[in-house]
C-alpha atoms as a PDB file:
ATOM      1  CA  MET A   1      -0.003  -0.135  -0.054  1.00  0.00           C
ATOM      2  CA  ALA A   2       1.272   3.273  -1.235  1.00  0.00           C
ATOM      3  CA  SER A   3       1.756   5.959   1.746  1.00  0.00           C
ATOM      4  CA  VAL A   4       0.387   9.587   0.830  1.00  0.00           C
ATOM      5  CA  ASN A   5       3.133  12.206   0.774  1.00  0.00           C
ATOM      6  CA  PRO A   6       2.174  15.143   2.699  1.00  0.00           C
ATOM      7  CA  TYR A   7       4.472  16.992   0.977  1.00  0.00           C
ATOM      8  CA  SER A   8       2.460  16.846  -2.274  1.00  0.00           C
ATOM      9  CA  LYS A   9       2.572  19.317  -5.516  1.00  0.00           C
ATOM     10  CA  HIS A  10      -0.448  21.243  -3.805  1.00  0.00           C
ATOM     11  CA  SER A  11       1.503  21.966  -0.275  1.00  0.00           C
ATOM     12  CA  ARG A  12       4.877  22.279  -2.420  1.00  0.00           C
ATOM     13  CA  ALA A  13       3.470  25.428  -4.405  1.00  0.00           C
ATOM     14  CA  ASP A  14       1.740  27.000  -1.007  1.00  0.00           C
ATOM     15  CA  TRP A  15       5.275  26.662   0.296  1.00  0.00           C
ATOM     16  CA  SER A  16       6.527  30.097   1.384  1.00  0.00           C
ATOM     17  CA  ARG A  17       9.586  31.165   3.490  1.00  0.00           C
ATOM     18  CA  LEU A  18       7.584  33.790   4.815  1.00  0.00           C
ATOM     19  CA  HIS A  19       4.205  33.784   6.220  1.00  0.00           C
ATOM     20  CA  LYS A  20       1.302  34.566   3.960  1.00  0.00           C
ATOM     21  CA  LYS A  21      -1.707  34.248   6.833  1.00  0.00           C
ATOM     22  CA  TYR A  22      -0.187  34.010  10.484  1.00  0.00           C
ATOM     23  CA  ASP A  23      -0.432  31.114  12.222  1.00  0.00           C
ATOM     24  CA  PRO A  24       0.730  31.177  16.316  1.00  0.00           C
ATOM     25  CA  LEU A  25       2.147  27.043  15.534  1.00  0.00           C
ATOM     26  CA  LYS A  26       3.756  27.568  12.304  1.00  0.00           C
ATOM     27  CA  ALA A  27       5.703  30.802  13.817  1.00  0.00           C
ATOM     28  CA  GLY A  28       6.574  28.700  16.589  1.00  0.00           C
ATOM     29  CA  SER A  29       8.135  25.891  13.554  1.00  0.00           C
ATOM     30  CA  ILE A  30      11.151  26.024  12.008  1.00  0.00           C
ATOM     31  CA  ASP A  31       9.887  24.925   8.843  1.00  0.00           C
ATOM     32  CA  GLY A  32       5.946  25.534   9.232  1.00  0.00           C
ATOM     33  CA  THR A  33       5.017  22.000   9.814  1.00  0.00           C
ATOM     34  CA  ASP A  34       4.850  22.091  13.592  1.00  0.00           C
ATOM     35  CA  THR A  35       1.213  20.461  14.723  1.00  0.00           C
ATOM     36  CA  GLU A  36       1.500  20.898  18.806  1.00  0.00           C
ATOM     37  CA  PRO A  37       2.835  24.120  20.623  1.00  0.00           C
ATOM     38  CA  HIS A  38       6.152  23.784  21.823  1.00  0.00           C
ATOM     39  CA  ASP A  39       5.849  26.709  24.388  1.00  0.00           C
ATOM     40  CA  HIS A  40       3.653  28.582  26.762  1.00  0.00           C
ATOM     41  CA  GLY A  41       4.256  31.305  24.427  1.00  0.00           C
ATOM     42  CA  ILE A  42       2.439  29.623  21.341  1.00  0.00           C
ATOM     43  CA  GLU A  43      -0.235  28.119  23.417  1.00  0.00           C
ATOM     44  CA  ARG A  44      -0.974  31.855  24.937  1.00  0.00           C
ATOM     45  CA  ALA A  45      -1.082  33.277  20.934  1.00  0.00           C
ATOM     46  CA  LEU A  46      -3.480  30.179  20.048  1.00  0.00           C
ATOM     47  CA  GLU A  47      -5.762  31.413  22.908  1.00  0.00           C
ATOM     48  CA  ALA A  48      -5.436  34.959  22.419  1.00  0.00           C
ATOM     49  CA  GLU A  49      -8.227  37.332  20.800  1.00  0.00           C
ATOM     50  CA  TYR A  50      -6.594  40.256  18.830  1.00  0.00           C
ATOM     51  CA  PHE A  51      -7.943  42.819  16.747  1.00  0.00           C
ATOM     52  CA  PRO A  52      -5.995  45.730  15.210  1.00  0.00           C
ATOM     53  CA  ASP A  53      -6.782  49.050  16.387  1.00  0.00           C
ATOM     54  CA  ARG A  54      -8.682  50.913  14.288  1.00  0.00           C
ATOM     55  CA  ASN A  55      -7.263  54.480  15.449  1.00  0.00           C
ATOM     56  CA  VAL A  56      -3.863  53.511  13.673  1.00  0.00           C
ATOM     57  CA  LYS A  57      -3.627  55.717  10.509  1.00  0.00           C
ATOM     58  CA  GLY A  58      -2.029  55.281   7.286  1.00  0.00           C
ATOM     59  CA  ASN A  59      -1.610  53.125   4.819  1.00  0.00           C
ATOM     60  CA  PRO A  60      -0.375  49.837   6.061  1.00  0.00           C
ATOM     61  CA  GLU A  61       1.156  49.111   2.374  1.00  0.00           C
ATOM     62  CA  CYS A  62       3.757  52.339   3.155  1.00  0.00           C
ATOM     63  CA  THR A  63       4.492  51.445   6.672  1.00  0.00           C
ATOM     64  CA  LEU A  64       7.521  50.311   8.135  1.00  0.00           C
ATOM     65  CA  PHE A  65       8.262  48.639  11.304  1.00  0.00           C
ATOM     66  CA  VAL A  66      11.579  49.493  12.338  1.00  0.00           C
ATOM     67  CA  ALA A  67      12.857  48.075  15.932  1.00  0.00           C
ATOM     68  CA  LYS A  68      16.147  47.741  17.672  1.00  0.00           C
ATOM     69  CA  LEU A  69      15.804  51.415  18.031  1.00  0.00           C
ATOM     70  CA  SER A  70      18.095  53.452  20.658  1.00  0.00           C
ATOM     71  CA  LYS A  71      16.314  54.750  23.516  1.00  0.00           C
ATOM     72  CA  SER A  72      17.366  58.096  22.770  1.00  0.00           C
ATOM     73  CA  THR A  73      16.029  58.169  19.084  1.00  0.00           C
ATOM     74  CA  THR A  74      13.448  60.559  18.216  1.00  0.00           C
ATOM     75  CA  GLU A  75      10.936  60.677  15.209  1.00  0.00           C
ATOM     76  CA  LYS A  76      13.742  63.509  14.024  1.00  0.00           C
ATOM     77  CA  SER A  77      16.675  61.329  13.900  1.00  0.00           C
ATOM     78  CA  LEU A  78      14.203  58.202  12.223  1.00  0.00           C
ATOM     79  CA  LYS A  79      13.094  60.338   9.695  1.00  0.00           C
ATOM     80  CA  LYS A  80      16.419  61.582   8.700  1.00  0.00           C
ATOM     81  CA  ALA A  81      17.582  57.872   8.592  1.00  0.00           C
ATOM     82  CA  PHE A  82      14.662  57.187   6.009  1.00  0.00           C
ATOM     83  CA  VAL A  83      14.097  60.491   3.950  1.00  0.00           C
ATOM     84  CA  SER A  84      16.529  59.411   1.236  1.00  0.00           C
ATOM     85  CA  PHE A  85      14.648  56.369   0.570  1.00  0.00           C
ATOM     86  CA  GLY A  86      11.592  58.641  -0.355  1.00  0.00           C
ATOM     87  CA  ARG A  87       9.124  61.331   0.544  1.00  0.00           C
ATOM     88  CA  ILE A  88       7.771  60.310   4.364  1.00  0.00           C
ATOM     89  CA  ARG A  89       4.424  61.287   5.743  1.00  0.00           C
ATOM     90  CA  ARG A  90       5.145  60.557   9.024  1.00  0.00           C
ATOM     91  CA  CYS A  91       7.329  58.609  11.592  1.00  0.00           C
ATOM     92  CA  ARG A  92       6.475  57.681  14.663  1.00  0.00           C
ATOM     93  CA  VAL A  93       8.586  55.752  18.247  1.00  0.00           C
ATOM     94  CA  VAL A  94       6.126  53.964  20.174  1.00  0.00           C
ATOM     95  CA  ARG A  95       6.408  55.251  23.865  1.00  0.00           C
ATOM     96  CA  ASP A  96       5.825  53.995  27.513  1.00  0.00           C
ATOM     97  CA  ILE A  97       2.570  55.680  28.153  1.00  0.00           C
ATOM     98  CA  VAL A  98       3.888  56.599  31.726  1.00  0.00           C
ATOM     99  CA  THR A  99       7.397  57.121  31.290  1.00  0.00           C
ATOM    100  CA  GLY A 100       7.331  58.600  28.289  1.00  0.00           C
ATOM    101  CA  THR A 101      10.733  56.712  26.940  1.00  0.00           C
ATOM    102  CA  SER A 102      10.947  54.972  23.901  1.00  0.00           C
ATOM    103  CA  LYS A 103       9.968  51.083  23.970  1.00  0.00           C
ATOM    104  CA  GLY A 104      12.788  50.489  21.160  1.00  0.00           C
ATOM    105  CA  TYR A 105      10.377  50.308  17.791  1.00  0.00           C
ATOM    106  CA  GLY A 106       8.691  52.741  15.439  1.00  0.00           C
ATOM    107  CA  PHE A 107       7.017  53.176  12.511  1.00  0.00           C
ATOM    108  CA  VAL A 108       7.938  54.986   9.120  1.00  0.00           C
ATOM    109  CA  GLU A 109       4.993  55.599   6.759  1.00  0.00           C
ATOM    110  CA  PHE A 110       6.017  56.607   3.246  1.00  0.00           C
ATOM    111  CA  GLU A 111       4.025  58.459   0.595  1.00  0.00           C
ATOM    112  CA  ASP A 112       3.701  55.756  -1.468  1.00  0.00           C
ATOM    113  CA  GLN A 113       4.638  51.977  -1.812  1.00  0.00           C
ATOM    114  CA  SER A 114       7.743  52.213  -4.056  1.00  0.00           C
ATOM    115  CA  SER A 115       9.709  54.072  -1.531  1.00  0.00           C
ATOM    116  CA  ALA A 116       8.634  51.847   1.145  1.00  0.00           C
ATOM    117  CA  SER A 117       9.604  49.023  -0.572  1.00  0.00           C
ATOM    118  CA  MET A 118      13.070  50.374  -1.569  1.00  0.00           C
ATOM    119  CA  ALA A 119      13.466  51.157   2.065  1.00  0.00           C
ATOM    120  CA  TYR A 120      12.443  47.495   2.722  1.00  0.00           C
ATOM    121  CA  VAL A 121      14.971  46.362   0.624  1.00  0.00           C
ATOM    122  CA  ARG A 122      17.942  48.868   0.805  1.00  0.00           C
ATOM    123  CA  SER A 123      17.781  48.968   4.935  1.00  0.00           C
ATOM    124  CA  SER A 124      19.623  45.234   5.739  1.00  0.00           C
ATOM    125  CA  LYS A 125      22.274  47.241   7.249  1.00  0.00           C
ATOM    126  CA  LEU A 126      20.914  50.568   8.297  1.00  0.00           C
ATOM    127  CA  THR A 127      22.232  51.907  11.813  1.00  0.00           C
ATOM    128  CA  VAL A 128      20.054  54.870  13.593  1.00  0.00           C
ATOM    129  CA  ASP A 129      21.719  56.599  16.237  1.00  0.00           C
ATOM    130  CA  GLY A 130      24.201  54.032  16.287  1.00  0.00           C
ATOM    131  CA  ASN A 131      21.678  50.962  16.451  1.00  0.00           C
ATOM    132  CA  LEU A 132      21.835  48.675  13.659  1.00  0.00           C
ATOM    133  CA  VAL A 133      18.231  48.270  13.265  1.00  0.00           C
ATOM    134  CA  PHE A 134      15.698  46.021  12.397  1.00  0.00           C
ATOM    135  CA  VAL A 135      13.187  46.903   9.662  1.00  0.00           C
ATOM    136  CA  ASP A 136      10.141  45.111   8.144  1.00  0.00           C
ATOM    137  CA  PHE A 137       6.861  45.711   7.069  1.00  0.00           C
ATOM    138  CA  GLU A 138       4.255  46.532   9.421  1.00  0.00           C
ATOM    139  CA  CYS A 139       2.321  43.367  10.244  1.00  0.00           C
ATOM    140  CA  GLU A 140      -0.858  44.227  12.428  1.00  0.00           C
ATOM    141  CA  ARG A 141      -3.111  45.468   9.263  1.00  0.00           C
ATOM    142  CA  LEU A 142      -1.588  43.724   6.368  1.00  0.00           C
ATOM    143  CA  LEU A 143      -0.547  40.190   7.923  1.00  0.00           C
ATOM    144  CA  PRO A 144      -4.014  38.196   8.633  1.00  0.00           C
ATOM    145  CA  GLY A 145      -4.344  35.991  11.883  1.00  0.00           C
ATOM    146  CA  TRP A 146      -1.420  38.358  13.495  1.00  0.00           C
ATOM    147  CA  ILE A 147      -1.061  38.250  17.059  1.00  0.00           C
ATOM    148  CA  PRO A 148       1.791  40.390  18.619  1.00  0.00           C
ATOM    149  CA  ARG A 149       4.394  39.130  20.649  1.00  0.00           C
ATOM    150  CA  ARG A 150       3.023  40.756  23.957  1.00  0.00           C
ATOM    151  CA  LEU A 151       0.267  37.846  23.697  1.00  0.00           C
ATOM    152  CA  GLY A 152       2.687  35.341  22.552  1.00  0.00           C
ATOM    153  CA  GLY A 153       2.450  35.785  18.755  1.00  0.00           C
ATOM    154  CA  GLY A 154       5.489  38.118  17.075  1.00  0.00           C
ATOM    155  CA  PHE A 155       8.082  37.045  15.144  1.00  0.00           C
ATOM    156  CA  GLY A 156      10.780  37.956  17.896  1.00  0.00           C
ATOM    157  CA  GLY A 157      11.596  35.708  20.417  1.00  0.00           C
ATOM    158  CA  LYS A 158      15.581  34.600  21.813  1.00  0.00           C
ATOM    159  CA  LYS A 159      17.254  31.850  21.266  1.00  0.00           C
ATOM    160  CA  GLU A 160      17.986  31.197  25.141  1.00  0.00           C
ATOM    161  CA  SER A 161      13.823  31.289  26.031  1.00  0.00           C
ATOM    162  CA  GLY A 162      13.198  28.264  23.439  1.00  0.00           C
ATOM    163  CA  GLN A 163      10.713  30.760  21.984  1.00  0.00           C
ATOM    164  CA  LEU A 164      12.097  31.448  18.887  1.00  0.00           C
ATOM    165  CA  ARG A 165       9.617  32.679  15.886  1.00  0.00           C
ATOM    166  CA  PHE A 166       9.855  32.361  12.053  1.00  0.00           C
ATOM    167  CA  GLY A 167       8.501  33.272   9.070  1.00  0.00           C
ATOM    168  CA  GLY A 168       9.516  36.443   8.868  1.00  0.00           C
ATOM    169  CA  ARG A 169      12.419  38.767   7.396  1.00  0.00           C
ATOM    170  CA  ALA A 170      14.586  38.127  10.320  1.00  0.00           C
ATOM    171  CA  ARG A 171      14.005  33.897  10.493  1.00  0.00           C
ATOM    172  CA  PRO A 172      12.291  33.064   7.159  1.00  0.00           C
ATOM    173  CA  PHE A 173      10.629  29.265   7.466  1.00  0.00           C
ATOM    174  CA  LYS A 174      13.599  26.441   5.976  1.00  0.00           C
ATOM    175  CA  LYS A 175      12.208  24.241   3.276  1.00  0.00           C
ATOM    176  CA  PRO A 176      10.799  21.224   4.709  1.00  0.00           C
ATOM    177  CA  LEU A 177      12.416  17.685   4.647  1.00  0.00           C
ATOM    178  CA  VAL A 178      11.588  14.678   2.672  1.00  0.00           C
ATOM    179  CA  PRO A 179      10.041  12.203   5.171  1.00  0.00           C
ATOM    180  CA  GLY A 180      12.296   9.540   5.446  1.00  0.00           C
ATOM    181  CA  THR A 181      15.560  11.412   3.684  1.00  0.00           C
ATOM    182  CA  SER A 182      17.718  14.061   4.692  1.00  0.00           C
ATOM    183  CA  GLN A 183      16.720  16.075   0.921  1.00  0.00           C
ATOM    184  CA  GLN A 184      14.895  19.123   0.973  1.00  0.00           C
ATOM    185  CA  ILE A 185      12.092  19.919  -0.879  1.00  0.00           C
ATOM    186  CA  ASP A 186      12.819  22.373  -3.884  1.00  0.00           C
ATOM    187  CA  ASP A 187       9.878  22.889  -6.486  1.00  0.00           C
ATOM    188  CA  GLY A 188       9.115  18.942  -6.668  1.00  0.00           C
ATOM    189  CA  ARG A 189      12.382  17.977  -7.322  1.00  0.00           C
ATOM    190  CA  ARG A 190      14.396  16.392  -4.872  1.00  0.00           C
ATOM    191  CA  LYS A 191      18.100  17.059  -4.595  1.00  0.00           C
ATOM    192  CA  ASP A 192      20.796  14.792  -3.912  1.00  0.00           C
END
């Protein structure tokens, strides 16, 4: 009796290095194939109900998420770092509501998608106020099913905690192995 290959042609065509729809269980898996949560964060994310903030203004397709900012980074210095990529509509550094100090991340909205795309591609080694920053497109309004890190989702996490998340720019999914071999799936053909 022939066994059923879980990596059929249909599933190969659907495979992507990056998330198309956010699923906390898949985000917690290096290749997006896990069926059981391996940490409490994923369990929390699976139980969470999250709805994007309706008060957020701007076009999500023109908005970049910028992380690993210095605590001293201001909107002015963030704008200065990204203005070379195109016209900026607005910049925002997210701050603690009580203390007013930076939380280390922010958002840059460009006036058009081509400028945002160029900034995304060319900002891989960008430094702002001495910090090498991480830049990605905004996920909250673009990625269906998005759950932020504070609720157990997101693409963050540290290796030491075992709560790494995959499927994003920093840690894309790795191609799944073909069951019973050490070969990876590659467009329907096996590589030796």
